[in-house]
């Protein structure tokens, strides 16, 4: 009988602790979400204003300007990737050469302080 009273009391304490933790967790997470939404919203407004004032062409909407800029950026990345592939094809690295260079560099650094 006494053991069951302790078990019941322990369960009530556990429920109270868990309930208090959940309330704190919900408050913290809710606060974080509000801050995050505010920051994201503010950033969106700031970028829209920037694009509107500085990057739109005559008669172009902010959304159209953002789409145009994104397409231009994607084209620039594609050209850079193609150029890198072209350079790599023009100057292939023999298999194992980079490993040989690394080993030689480690060996030279180990021997740097030694006298011949």
PDB file of N, CA and C in Angstrom:
ATOM      1  N   UNK A   1       0.818  -1.187   0.000  1.00  0.00           N
ATOM      2  CA  UNK A   1       0.000   0.000   0.000  1.00  0.00           C
ATOM      3  C   UNK A   1       0.867   1.259   0.000  1.00  0.00           C
ATOM      4  N   UNK A   2       1.898   1.272   0.858  1.00  0.00           N
ATOM      5  CA  UNK A   2       2.767   2.440   0.944  1.00  0.00           C
ATOM      6  C   UNK A   2       3.536   2.624  -0.360  1.00  0.00           C
ATOM      7  N   UNK A   3       3.954   1.505  -0.949  1.00  0.00           N
ATOM      8  CA  UNK A   3       4.695   1.600  -2.198  1.00  0.00           C
ATOM      9  C   UNK A   3       3.835   2.205  -3.288  1.00  0.00           C
ATOM     10  N   UNK A   4       2.595   1.866  -3.327  1.00  0.00           N
ATOM     11  CA  UNK A   4       1.723   2.388  -4.358  1.00  0.00           C
ATOM     12  C   UNK A   4       1.493   3.879  -4.171  1.00  0.00           C
ATOM     13  N   UNK A   5       1.498   4.376  -2.918  1.00  0.00           N
ATOM     14  CA  UNK A   5       1.376   5.816  -2.685  1.00  0.00           C
ATOM     15  C   UNK A   5       2.599   6.542  -3.232  1.00  0.00           C
ATOM     16  N   UNK A   6       3.786   5.936  -3.016  1.00  0.00           N
ATOM     17  CA  UNK A   6       5.005   6.541  -3.531  1.00  0.00           C
ATOM     18  C   UNK A   6       5.008   6.541  -5.068  1.00  0.00           C
ATOM     19  N   UNK A   7       4.560   5.469  -5.640  1.00  0.00           N
ATOM     20  CA  UNK A   7       4.504   5.370  -7.101  1.00  0.00           C
ATOM     21  C   UNK A   7       3.557   6.419  -7.654  1.00  0.00           C
ATOM     22  N   UNK A   8       2.379   6.567  -7.043  1.00  0.00           N
ATOM     23  CA  UNK A   8       1.412   7.563  -7.504  1.00  0.00           C
ATOM     24  C   UNK A   8       1.959   8.973  -7.338  1.00  0.00           C
ATOM     25  N   UNK A   9       2.603   9.236  -6.202  1.00  0.00           N
ATOM     26  CA  UNK A   9       3.191  10.561  -5.970  1.00  0.00           C
ATOM     27  C   UNK A   9       4.289  10.832  -6.997  1.00  0.00           C
ATOM     28  N   UNK A  10       5.088   9.823  -7.275  1.00  0.00           N
ATOM     29  CA  UNK A  10       6.161   9.957  -8.259  1.00  0.00           C
ATOM     30  C   UNK A  10       5.592  10.242  -9.643  1.00  0.00           C
ATOM     31  N   UNK A  11       4.514   9.569 -10.008  1.00  0.00           N
ATOM     32  CA  UNK A  11       3.885   9.793 -11.310  1.00  0.00           C
ATOM     33  C   UNK A  11       3.343  11.215 -11.400  1.00  0.00           C
ATOM     34  N   UNK A  12       2.727  11.724 -10.321  1.00  0.00           N
ATOM     35  CA  UNK A  12       2.214  13.099 -10.329  1.00  0.00           C
ATOM     36  C   UNK A  12       3.352  14.101 -10.501  1.00  0.00           C
ATOM     37  N   UNK A  13       4.451  13.858  -9.793  1.00  0.00           N
ATOM     38  CA  UNK A  13       5.609  14.745  -9.925  1.00  0.00           C
ATOM     39  C   UNK A  13       6.153  14.701 -11.351  1.00  0.00           C
ATOM     40  N   UNK A  14       6.257  13.507 -11.900  1.00  0.00           N
ATOM     41  CA  UNK A  14       6.760  13.351 -13.267  1.00  0.00           C
ATOM     42  C   UNK A  14       5.860  14.080 -14.259  1.00  0.00           C
ATOM     43  N   UNK A  15       4.548  13.953 -14.110  1.00  0.00           N
ATOM     44  CA  UNK A  15       3.612  14.629 -14.999  1.00  0.00           C
ATOM     45  C   UNK A  15       3.757  16.144 -14.880  1.00  0.00           C
ATOM     46  N   UNK A  16       3.924  16.642 -13.639  1.00  0.00           N
ATOM     47  CA  UNK A  16       4.087  18.082 -13.437  1.00  0.00           C
ATOM     48  C   UNK A  16       5.377  18.582 -14.076  1.00  0.00           C
ATOM     49  N   UNK A  17       6.445  17.825 -13.922  1.00  0.00           N
ATOM     50  CA  UNK A  17       7.736  18.215 -14.500  1.00  0.00           C
ATOM     51  C   UNK A  17       7.660  18.205 -16.023  1.00  0.00           C
ATOM     52  N   UNK A  18       7.093  17.156 -16.573  1.00  0.00           N
ATOM     53  CA  UNK A  18       6.976  17.058 -18.032  1.00  0.00           C
ATOM     54  C   UNK A  18       6.072  18.165 -18.562  1.00  0.00           C
ATOM     55  N   UNK A  19       4.966  18.426 -17.873  1.00  0.00           N
ATOM     56  CA  UNK A  19       4.067  19.504 -18.295  1.00  0.00           C
ATOM     57  C   UNK A  19       4.751  20.855 -18.258  1.00  0.00           C
ATOM     58  N   UNK A  20       5.523  21.111 -17.203  1.00  0.00           N
ATOM     59  CA  UNK A  20       6.271  22.370 -17.121  1.00  0.00           C
ATOM     60  C   UNK A  20       7.309  22.480 -18.214  1.00  0.00           C
ATOM     61  N   UNK A  21       7.988  21.394 -18.492  1.00  0.00           N
ATOM     62  CA  UNK A  21       8.981  21.384 -19.569  1.00  0.00           C
ATOM     63  C   UNK A  21       8.323  21.673 -20.914  1.00  0.00           C
ATOM     64  N   UNK A  22       7.185  21.038 -21.165  1.00  0.00           N
ATOM     65  CA  UNK A  22       6.478  21.247 -22.437  1.00  0.00           C
ATOM     66  C   UNK A  22       6.067  22.706 -22.597  1.00  0.00           C
ATOM     67  N   UNK A  23       5.595  23.326 -21.503  1.00  0.00           N
ATOM     68  CA  UNK A  23       5.206  24.736 -21.578  1.00  0.00           C
ATOM     69  C   UNK A  23       6.405  25.616 -21.904  1.00  0.00           C
ATOM     70  N   UNK A  24       7.524  25.346 -21.272  1.00  0.00           N
ATOM     71  CA  UNK A  24       8.741  26.123 -21.549  1.00  0.00           C
ATOM     72  C   UNK A  24       9.191  25.891 -22.987  1.00  0.00           C
ATOM     73  N   UNK A  25       9.184  24.636 -23.412  1.00  0.00           N
ATOM     74  CA  UNK A  25       9.597  24.302 -24.777  1.00  0.00           C
ATOM     75  C   UNK A  25       8.701  24.998 -25.795  1.00  0.00           C
ATOM     76  N   UNK A  26       7.386  24.949 -25.589  1.00  0.00           N
ATOM     77  CA  UNK A  26       6.463  25.593 -26.516  1.00  0.00           C
ATOM     78  C   UNK A  26       6.690  27.102 -26.559  1.00  0.00           C
ATOM     79  N   UNK A  27       6.961  27.701 -25.400  1.00  0.00           N
ATOM     80  CA  UNK A  27       7.232  29.137 -25.361  1.00  0.00           C
ATOM     81  C   UNK A  27       8.498  29.507 -26.100  1.00  0.00           C
ATOM     82  N   UNK A  28       9.545  28.736 -25.904  1.00  0.00           N
ATOM     83  CA  UNK A  28      10.822  29.012 -26.563  1.00  0.00           C
ATOM     84  C   UNK A  28      10.698  28.801 -28.071  1.00  0.00           C
ATOM     85  N   UNK A  29      10.114  27.687 -28.466  1.00  0.00           N
ATOM     86  CA  UNK A  29       9.971  27.392 -29.900  1.00  0.00           C
ATOM     87  C   UNK A  29       9.058  28.422 -30.563  1.00  0.00           C
ATOM     88  N   UNK A  30       7.963  28.769 -29.892  1.00  0.00           N
ATOM     89  CA  UNK A  30       7.058  29.779 -30.444  1.00  0.00           C
ATOM     90  C   UNK A  30       7.745  31.123 -30.601  1.00  0.00           C
ATOM     91  N   UNK A  31       8.540  31.510 -29.597  1.00  0.00           N
ATOM     92  CA  UNK A  31       9.289  32.767 -29.684  1.00  0.00           C
ATOM     93  C   UNK A  31      10.294  32.743 -30.817  1.00  0.00           C
ATOM     94  N   UNK A  32      10.986  31.636 -30.960  1.00  0.00           N
ATOM     95  CA  UNK A  32      11.964  31.500 -32.047  1.00  0.00           C
ATOM     96  C   UNK A  32      11.280  31.616 -33.404  1.00  0.00           C
ATOM     97  N   UNK A  33      10.140  30.946 -33.554  1.00  0.00           N
ATOM     98  CA  UNK A  33       9.430  30.995 -34.834  1.00  0.00           C
ATOM     99  C   UNK A  33       8.987  32.409 -35.166  1.00  0.00           C
ATOM    100  N   UNK A  34       8.523  33.156 -34.165  1.00  0.00           N
ATOM    101  CA  UNK A  34       8.110  34.540 -34.411  1.00  0.00           C
ATOM    102  C   UNK A  34       9.303  35.384 -34.845  1.00  0.00           C
ATOM    103  N   UNK A  35      10.434  35.203 -34.177  1.00  0.00           N
ATOM    104  CA  UNK A  35      11.642  35.950 -34.548  1.00  0.00           C
ATOM    105  C   UNK A  35      12.079  35.573 -35.963  1.00  0.00           C
ATOM    106  N   UNK A  36      12.078  34.286 -36.251  1.00  0.00           N
ATOM    107  CA  UNK A  36      12.491  33.816 -37.579  1.00  0.00           C
ATOM    108  C   UNK A  36      11.589  34.389 -38.659  1.00  0.00           C
ATOM    109  N   UNK A  37      10.276  34.341 -38.449  1.00  0.00           N
ATOM    110  CA  UNK A  37       9.340  34.883 -39.435  1.00  0.00           C
ATOM    111  C   UNK A  37       9.560  36.373 -39.636  1.00  0.00           C
ATOM    112  N   UNK A  38       9.835  37.098 -38.540  1.00  0.00           N
ATOM    113  CA  UNK A  38      10.096  38.532 -38.647  1.00  0.00           C
ATOM    114  C   UNK A  38      11.362  38.829 -39.431  1.00  0.00           C
ATOM    115  N   UNK A  39      12.405  38.070 -39.171  1.00  0.00           N
ATOM    116  CA  UNK A  39      13.669  38.283 -39.872  1.00  0.00           C
ATOM    117  C   UNK A  39      13.521  37.950 -41.355  1.00  0.00           C
ATOM    118  N   UNK A  40      12.897  36.829 -41.645  1.00  0.00           N
ATOM    119  CA  UNK A  40      12.729  36.426 -43.046  1.00  0.00           C
ATOM    120  C   UNK A  40      11.854  37.438 -43.785  1.00  0.00           C
ATOM    121  N   UNK A  41      10.780  37.870 -43.148  1.00  0.00           N
ATOM    122  CA  UNK A  41       9.895  38.859 -43.763  1.00  0.00           C
ATOM    123  C   UNK A  41      10.639  40.173 -43.996  1.00  0.00           C
ATOM    124  N   UNK A  42      11.394  40.604 -43.001  1.00  0.00           N
ATOM    125  CA  UNK A  42      12.166  41.840 -43.135  1.00  0.00           C
ATOM    126  C   UNK A  42      13.202  41.745 -44.231  1.00  0.00           C
ATOM    127  N   UNK A  43      13.869  40.597 -44.314  1.00  0.00           N
ATOM    128  CA  UNK A  43      14.866  40.407 -45.369  1.00  0.00           C
ATOM    129  C   UNK A  43      14.206  40.445 -46.743  1.00  0.00           C
ATOM    130  N   UNK A  44      13.048  39.800 -46.858  1.00  0.00           N
ATOM    131  CA  UNK A  44      12.324  39.825 -48.137  1.00  0.00           C
ATOM    132  C   UNK A  44      11.938  41.237 -48.544  1.00  0.00           C
ATOM    133  N   UNK A  45      11.459  42.021 -47.586  1.00  0.00           N
ATOM    134  CA  UNK A  45      11.103  43.412 -47.880  1.00  0.00           C
ATOM    135  C   UNK A  45      12.335  44.211 -48.291  1.00  0.00           C
ATOM    136  N   UNK A  46      13.442  43.987 -47.604  1.00  0.00           N
ATOM    137  CA  UNK A  46      14.676  44.697 -47.914  1.00  0.00           C
ATOM    138  C   UNK A  46      15.174  44.359 -49.316  1.00  0.00           C
ATOM    139  N   UNK A  47      15.180  43.073 -49.660  1.00  0.00           N
ATOM    140  CA  UNK A  47      15.647  42.700 -50.998  1.00  0.00           C
ATOM    141  C   UNK A  47      14.704  43.213 -52.076  1.00  0.00           C
ATOM    142  N   UNK A  48      13.399  43.179 -51.809  1.00  0.00           N
ATOM    143  CA  UNK A  48      12.449  43.725 -52.779  1.00  0.00           C
ATOM    144  C   UNK A  48      12.700  45.215 -53.007  1.00  0.00           C
ATOM    145  N   UNK A  49      12.946  45.946 -51.949  1.00  0.00           N
ATOM    146  CA  UNK A  49      13.209  47.387 -52.061  1.00  0.00           C
ATOM    147  C   UNK A  49      14.502  47.630 -52.823  1.00  0.00           C
ATOM    148  N   UNK A  50      15.533  46.858 -52.509  1.00  0.00           N
ATOM    149  CA  UNK A  50      16.810  46.996 -53.197  1.00  0.00           C
ATOM    150  C   UNK A  50      16.653  46.734 -54.688  1.00  0.00           C
ATOM    151  N   UNK A  51      16.006  45.626 -55.013  1.00  0.00           N
ATOM    152  CA  UNK A  51      15.807  45.283 -56.428  1.00  0.00           C
ATOM    153  C   UNK A  51      14.962  46.346 -57.110  1.00  0.00           C
ATOM    154  N   UNK A  52      13.918  46.801 -56.429  1.00  0.00           N
ATOM    155  CA  UNK A  52      13.024  47.812 -57.001  1.00  0.00           C
ATOM    156  C   UNK A  52      13.764  49.109 -57.300  1.00  0.00           C
ATOM    157  N   UNK A  53      14.600  49.544 -56.375  1.00  0.00           N
ATOM    158  CA  UNK A  53      15.283  50.827 -56.530  1.00  0.00           C
ATOM    159  C   UNK A  53      16.474  50.760 -57.475  1.00  0.00           C
ATOM    160  N   UNK A  54      17.200  49.670 -57.475  1.00  0.00           N
ATOM    161  CA  UNK A  54      18.485  49.653 -58.168  1.00  0.00           C
ATOM    162  C   UNK A  54      18.593  48.702 -59.359  1.00  0.00           C
ATOM    163  N   UNK A  55      17.776  47.671 -59.422  1.00  0.00           N
ATOM    164  CA  UNK A  55      18.023  46.636 -60.425  1.00  0.00           C
ATOM    165  C   UNK A  55      16.906  46.438 -61.439  1.00  0.00           C
ATOM    166  N   UNK A  56      15.780  47.098 -61.284  1.00  0.00           N
ATOM    167  CA  UNK A  56      14.698  46.916 -62.252  1.00  0.00           C
ATOM    168  C   UNK A  56      14.930  47.811 -63.462  1.00  0.00           C
ATOM    169  N   UNK A  57      14.506  47.307 -64.599  1.00  0.00           N
ATOM    170  CA  UNK A  57      14.512  48.113 -65.821  1.00  0.00           C
ATOM    171  C   UNK A  57      13.190  48.845 -65.913  1.00  0.00           C
ATOM    172  N   UNK A  58      13.091  49.766 -66.822  1.00  0.00           N
ATOM    173  CA  UNK A  58      11.876  50.566 -66.990  1.00  0.00           C
ATOM    174  C   UNK A  58      10.671  49.668 -67.240  1.00  0.00           C
ATOM    175  N   UNK A  59       9.652  49.804 -66.402  1.00  0.00           N
ATOM    176  CA  UNK A  59       8.412  49.048 -66.560  1.00  0.00           C
ATOM    177  C   UNK A  59       8.480  47.609 -66.093  1.00  0.00           C
ATOM    178  N   UNK A  60       9.562  47.209 -65.492  1.00  0.00           N
ATOM    179  CA  UNK A  60       9.744  45.828 -65.043  1.00  0.00           C
ATOM    180  C   UNK A  60       9.341  45.715 -63.570  1.00  0.00           C
ATOM    181  N   UNK A  61       8.634  44.640 -63.241  1.00  0.00           N
ATOM    182  CA  UNK A  61       8.249  44.431 -61.845  1.00  0.00           C
ATOM    183  C   UNK A  61       9.423  43.835 -61.070  1.00  0.00           C
ATOM    184  N   UNK A  62       9.306  43.841 -59.756  1.00  0.00           N
ATOM    185  CA  UNK A  62      10.359  43.281 -58.902  1.00  0.00           C
ATOM    186  C   UNK A  62      10.512  41.791 -59.178  1.00  0.00           C
ATOM    187  N   UNK A  63       9.390  41.081 -59.319  1.00  0.00           N
ATOM    188  CA  UNK A  63       9.451  39.637 -59.587  1.00  0.00           C
ATOM    189  C   UNK A  63      10.128  39.355 -60.926  1.00  0.00           C
ATOM    190  N   UNK A  64       9.819  40.158 -61.939  1.00  0.00           N
ATOM    191  CA  UNK A  64      10.449  39.973 -63.246  1.00  0.00           C
ATOM    192  C   UNK A  64      11.946  40.249 -63.169  1.00  0.00           C
ATOM    193  N   UNK A  65      12.323  41.283 -62.413  1.00  0.00           N
ATOM    194  CA  UNK A  65      13.744  41.610 -62.266  1.00  0.00           C
ATOM    195  C   UNK A  65      14.478  40.486 -61.540  1.00  0.00           C
ATOM    196  N   UNK A  66      13.852  39.935 -60.485  1.00  0.00           N
ATOM    197  CA  UNK A  66      14.484  38.825 -59.761  1.00  0.00           C
ATOM    198  C   UNK A  66      14.639  37.611 -60.665  1.00  0.00           C
ATOM    199  N   UNK A  67      13.636  37.318 -61.473  1.00  0.00           N
ATOM    200  CA  UNK A  67      13.720  36.184 -62.399  1.00  0.00           C
ATOM    201  C   UNK A  67      14.819  36.414 -63.433  1.00  0.00           C
ATOM    202  N   UNK A  68      14.900  37.640 -63.947  1.00  0.00           N
ATOM    203  CA  UNK A  68      15.927  37.970 -64.927  1.00  0.00           C
ATOM    204  C   UNK A  68      17.314  37.824 -64.305  1.00  0.00           C
ATOM    205  N   UNK A  69      17.495  38.330 -63.093  1.00  0.00           N
ATOM    206  CA  UNK A  69      18.788  38.245 -62.421  1.00  0.00           C
ATOM    207  C   UNK A  69      19.160  36.804 -62.090  1.00  0.00           C
ATOM    208  N   UNK A  70      18.178  36.000 -61.688  1.00  0.00           N
ATOM    209  CA  UNK A  70      18.440  34.587 -61.389  1.00  0.00           C
ATOM    210  C   UNK A  70      18.864  33.843 -62.647  1.00  0.00           C
ATOM    211  N   UNK A  71      18.209  34.133 -63.765  1.00  0.00           N
ATOM    212  CA  UNK A  71      18.581  33.487 -65.022  1.00  0.00           C
ATOM    213  C   UNK A  71      19.987  33.901 -65.447  1.00  0.00           C
ATOM    214  N   UNK A  72      20.300  35.172 -65.259  1.00  0.00           N
ATOM    215  CA  UNK A  72      21.631  35.667 -65.603  1.00  0.00           C
ATOM    216  C   UNK A  72      22.698  34.996 -64.736  1.00  0.00           C
ATOM    217  N   UNK A  73      22.415  34.846 -63.453  1.00  0.00           N
ATOM    218  CA  UNK A  73      23.349  34.194 -62.532  1.00  0.00           C
ATOM    219  C   UNK A  73      23.534  32.715 -62.888  1.00  0.00           C
ATOM    220  N   UNK A  74      22.444  32.038 -63.240  1.00  0.00           N
ATOM    221  CA  UNK A  74      22.537  30.631 -63.627  1.00  0.00           C
ATOM    222  C   UNK A  74      23.379  30.482 -64.891  1.00  0.00           C
ATOM    223  N   UNK A  75      23.209  31.399 -65.834  1.00  0.00           N
ATOM    224  CA  UNK A  75      23.983  31.364 -67.070  1.00  0.00           C
ATOM    225  C   UNK A  75      25.470  31.585 -66.773  1.00  0.00           C
ATOM    226  N   UNK A  76      25.764  32.501 -65.846  1.00  0.00           N
ATOM    227  CA  UNK A  76      27.142  32.777 -65.469  1.00  0.00           C
ATOM    228  C   UNK A  76      27.777  31.551 -64.796  1.00  0.00           C
ATOM    229  N   UNK A  77      27.025  30.881 -63.912  1.00  0.00           N
ATOM    230  CA  UNK A  77      27.539  29.666 -63.265  1.00  0.00           C
ATOM    231  C   UNK A  77      27.773  28.557 -64.283  1.00  0.00           C
ATOM    232  N   UNK A  78      26.886  28.403 -65.238  1.00  0.00           N
ATOM    233  CA  UNK A  78      27.036  27.379 -66.266  1.00  0.00           C
ATOM    234  C   UNK A  78      28.275  27.652 -67.112  1.00  0.00           C
ATOM    235  N   UNK A  79      28.500  28.918 -67.467  1.00  0.00           N
ATOM    236  CA  UNK A  79      29.676  29.276 -68.263  1.00  0.00           C
ATOM    237  C   UNK A  79      30.958  29.004 -67.472  1.00  0.00           C
ATOM    238  N   UNK A  80      30.962  29.313 -66.180  1.00  0.00           N
ATOM    239  CA  UNK A  80      32.140  29.062 -65.355  1.00  0.00           C
ATOM    240  C   UNK A  80      32.405  27.565 -65.235  1.00  0.00           C
ATOM    241  N   UNK A  81      31.346  26.767 -65.074  1.00  0.00           N
ATOM    242  CA  UNK A  81      31.504  25.320 -64.988  1.00  0.00           C
ATOM    243  C   UNK A  81      32.055  24.764 -66.299  1.00  0.00           C
ATOM    244  N   UNK A  82      31.532  25.241 -67.414  1.00  0.00           N
ATOM    245  CA  UNK A  82      32.001  24.779 -68.720  1.00  0.00           C
ATOM    246  C   UNK A  82      33.469  25.155 -68.922  1.00  0.00           C
ATOM    247  N   UNK A  83      33.852  26.356 -68.499  1.00  0.00           N
ATOM    248  CA  UNK A  83      35.235  26.791 -68.621  1.00  0.00           C
ATOM    249  C   UNK A  83      36.158  25.930 -67.757  1.00  0.00           C
ATOM    250  N   UNK A  84      35.723  25.587 -66.564  1.00  0.00           N
ATOM    251  CA  UNK A  84      36.523  24.734 -65.684  1.00  0.00           C
ATOM    252  C   UNK A  84      36.688  23.346 -66.288  1.00  0.00           C
ATOM    253  N   UNK A  85      35.627  22.813 -66.863  1.00  0.00           N
ATOM    254  CA  UNK A  85      35.716  21.505 -67.515  1.00  0.00           C
ATOM    255  C   UNK A  85      36.653  21.561 -68.709  1.00  0.00           C
ATOM    256  N   UNK A  86      36.616  22.673 -69.451  1.00  0.00           N
ATOM    257  CA  UNK A  86      37.480  22.842 -70.618  1.00  0.00           C
ATOM    258  C   UNK A  86      38.942  22.889 -70.180  1.00  0.00           C
ATOM    259  N   UNK A  87      39.229  23.611 -69.105  1.00  0.00           N
ATOM    260  CA  UNK A  87      40.596  23.687 -68.593  1.00  0.00           C
ATOM    261  C   UNK A  87      41.073  22.327 -68.096  1.00  0.00           C
ATOM    262  N   UNK A  88      40.192  21.612 -67.417  1.00  0.00           N
ATOM    263  CA  UNK A  88      40.553  20.296 -66.895  1.00  0.00           C
ATOM    264  C   UNK A  88      40.843  19.327 -68.030  1.00  0.00           C
ATOM    265  N   UNK A  89      40.087  19.428 -69.108  1.00  0.00           N
ATOM    266  CA  UNK A  89      40.314  18.546 -70.255  1.00  0.00           C
ATOM    267  C   UNK A  89      41.617  18.910 -70.973  1.00  0.00           C
ATOM    268  N   UNK A  90      41.967  20.190 -70.978  1.00  0.00           N
ATOM    269  CA  UNK A  90      43.177  20.635 -71.665  1.00  0.00           C
ATOM    270  C   UNK A  90      44.435  20.282 -70.879  1.00  0.00           C
ATOM    271  N   UNK A  91      44.321  20.190 -69.560  1.00  0.00           N
ATOM    272  CA  UNK A  91      45.475  19.912 -68.711  1.00  0.00           C
ATOM    273  C   UNK A  91      45.150  18.768 -67.754  1.00  0.00           C
ATOM    274  N   UNK A  92      45.065  17.558 -68.279  1.00  0.00           N
ATOM    275  CA  UNK A  92      44.722  16.437 -67.392  1.00  0.00           C
ATOM    276  C   UNK A  92      45.857  16.147 -66.413  1.00  0.00           C
ATOM    277  N   UNK A  93      45.500  15.776 -65.223  1.00  0.00           N
ATOM    278  CA  UNK A  93      46.476  15.404 -64.203  1.00  0.00           C
ATOM    279  C   UNK A  93      46.700  13.901 -64.293  1.00  0.00           C
ATOM    280  N   UNK A  94      47.949  13.470 -64.484  1.00  0.00           N
ATOM    281  CA  UNK A  94      48.202  12.026 -64.536  1.00  0.00           C
ATOM    282  C   UNK A  94      47.768  11.371 -63.227  1.00  0.00           C
ATOM    283  N   UNK A  95      47.272  10.180 -63.343  1.00  0.00           N
ATOM    284  CA  UNK A  95      46.785   9.455 -62.169  1.00  0.00           C
ATOM    285  C   UNK A  95      47.894   9.308 -61.145  1.00  0.00           C
ATOM    286  N   UNK A  96      47.584   9.640 -59.913  1.00  0.00           N
ATOM    287  CA  UNK A  96      48.546   9.474 -58.837  1.00  0.00           C
ATOM    288  C   UNK A  96      49.497  10.631 -58.657  1.00  0.00           C
ATOM    289  N   UNK A  97      49.513  11.589 -59.557  1.00  0.00           N
ATOM    290  CA  UNK A  97      50.456  12.691 -59.458  1.00  0.00           C
ATOM    291  C   UNK A  97      50.197  13.532 -58.217  1.00  0.00           C
ATOM    292  N   UNK A  98      48.927  13.801 -57.924  1.00  0.00           N
ATOM    293  CA  UNK A  98      48.631  14.629 -56.753  1.00  0.00           C
ATOM    294  C   UNK A  98      49.081  13.927 -55.470  1.00  0.00           C
ATOM    295  N   UNK A  99      48.942  12.609 -55.411  1.00  0.00           N
ATOM    296  CA  UNK A  99      49.419  11.861 -54.245  1.00  0.00           C
ATOM    297  C   UNK A  99      50.933  11.937 -54.125  1.00  0.00           C
ATOM    298  N   UNK A 100      51.643  11.856 -55.254  1.00  0.00           N
ATOM    299  CA  UNK A 100      53.097  11.958 -55.240  1.00  0.00           C
ATOM    300  C   UNK A 100      53.532  13.333 -54.762  1.00  0.00           C
ATOM    301  N   UNK A 101      52.834  14.364 -55.198  1.00  0.00           N
ATOM    302  CA  UNK A 101      53.165  15.725 -54.782  1.00  0.00           C
ATOM    303  C   UNK A 101      52.943  15.876 -53.279  1.00  0.00           C
ATOM    304  N   UNK A 102      51.843  15.341 -52.786  1.00  0.00           N
ATOM    305  CA  UNK A 102      51.541  15.436 -51.356  1.00  0.00           C
ATOM    306  C   UNK A 102      52.599  14.707 -50.535  1.00  0.00           C
ATOM    307  N   UNK A 103      52.988  13.514 -50.965  1.00  0.00           N
ATOM    308  CA  UNK A 103      54.006  12.762 -50.226  1.00  0.00           C
ATOM    309  C   UNK A 103      55.334  13.507 -50.230  1.00  0.00           C
ATOM    310  N   UNK A 104      55.708  14.084 -51.362  1.00  0.00           N
ATOM    311  CA  UNK A 104      56.959  14.835 -51.444  1.00  0.00           C
ATOM    312  C   UNK A 104      56.908  16.066 -50.545  1.00  0.00           C
ATOM    313  N   UNK A 105      55.761  16.712 -50.468  1.00  0.00           N
ATOM    314  CA  UNK A 105      55.614  17.887 -49.614  1.00  0.00           C
ATOM    315  C   UNK A 105      55.750  17.519 -48.147  1.00  0.00           C
ATOM    316  N   UNK A 106      55.137  16.411 -47.733  1.00  0.00           N
ATOM    317  CA  UNK A 106      55.240  15.950 -46.347  1.00  0.00           C
ATOM    318  C   UNK A 106      56.676  15.585 -46.026  1.00  0.00           C
ATOM    319  N   UNK A 107      57.335  14.894 -46.924  1.00  0.00           N
ATOM    320  CA  UNK A 107      58.723  14.491 -46.714  1.00  0.00           C
ATOM    321  C   UNK A 107      59.621  15.720 -46.594  1.00  0.00           C
ATOM    322  N   UNK A 108      59.411  16.711 -47.452  1.00  0.00           N
ATOM    323  CA  UNK A 108      60.221  17.926 -47.406  1.00  0.00           C
ATOM    324  C   UNK A 108      59.995  18.687 -46.106  1.00  0.00           C
ATOM    325  N   UNK A 109      58.762  18.739 -45.628  1.00  0.00           N
ATOM    326  CA  UNK A 109      58.493  19.455 -44.383  1.00  0.00           C
ATOM    327  C   UNK A 109      59.099  18.730 -43.193  1.00  0.00           C
ATOM    328  N   UNK A 110      59.150  17.388 -43.213  1.00  0.00           N
ATOM    329  CA  UNK A 110      59.776  16.634 -42.136  1.00  0.00           C
ATOM    330  C   UNK A 110      61.281  16.858 -42.106  1.00  0.00           C
ATOM    331  N   UNK A 111      61.857  17.003 -43.294  1.00  0.00           N
ATOM    332  CA  UNK A 111      63.311  17.150 -43.389  1.00  0.00           C
ATOM    333  C   UNK A 111      63.754  18.606 -43.355  1.00  0.00           C
ATOM    334  N   UNK A 112      62.852  19.534 -43.242  1.00  0.00           N
ATOM    335  CA  UNK A 112      63.193  20.959 -43.324  1.00  0.00           C
ATOM    336  C   UNK A 112      64.134  21.398 -42.214  1.00  0.00           C
ATOM    337  N   UNK A 113      63.983  20.886 -41.012  1.00  0.00           N
ATOM    338  CA  UNK A 113      64.808  21.282 -39.899  1.00  0.00           C
ATOM    339  C   UNK A 113      66.096  20.499 -39.755  1.00  0.00           C
ATOM    340  N   UNK A 114      66.281  19.478 -40.544  1.00  0.00           N
ATOM    341  CA  UNK A 114      67.460  18.609 -40.426  1.00  0.00           C
ATOM    342  C   UNK A 114      68.596  19.117 -41.318  1.00  0.00           C
ATOM    343  N   UNK A 115      69.818  18.899 -40.843  1.00  0.00           N
ATOM    344  CA  UNK A 115      70.983  19.258 -41.651  1.00  0.00           C
ATOM    345  C   UNK A 115      71.450  18.020 -42.421  1.00  0.00           C
ATOM    346  N   UNK A 116      71.958  18.225 -43.601  1.00  0.00           N
ATOM    347  CA  UNK A 116      72.407  17.065 -44.394  1.00  0.00           C
ATOM    348  C   UNK A 116      73.603  16.374 -43.819  1.00  0.00           C
TER     349      UNK A 116
END
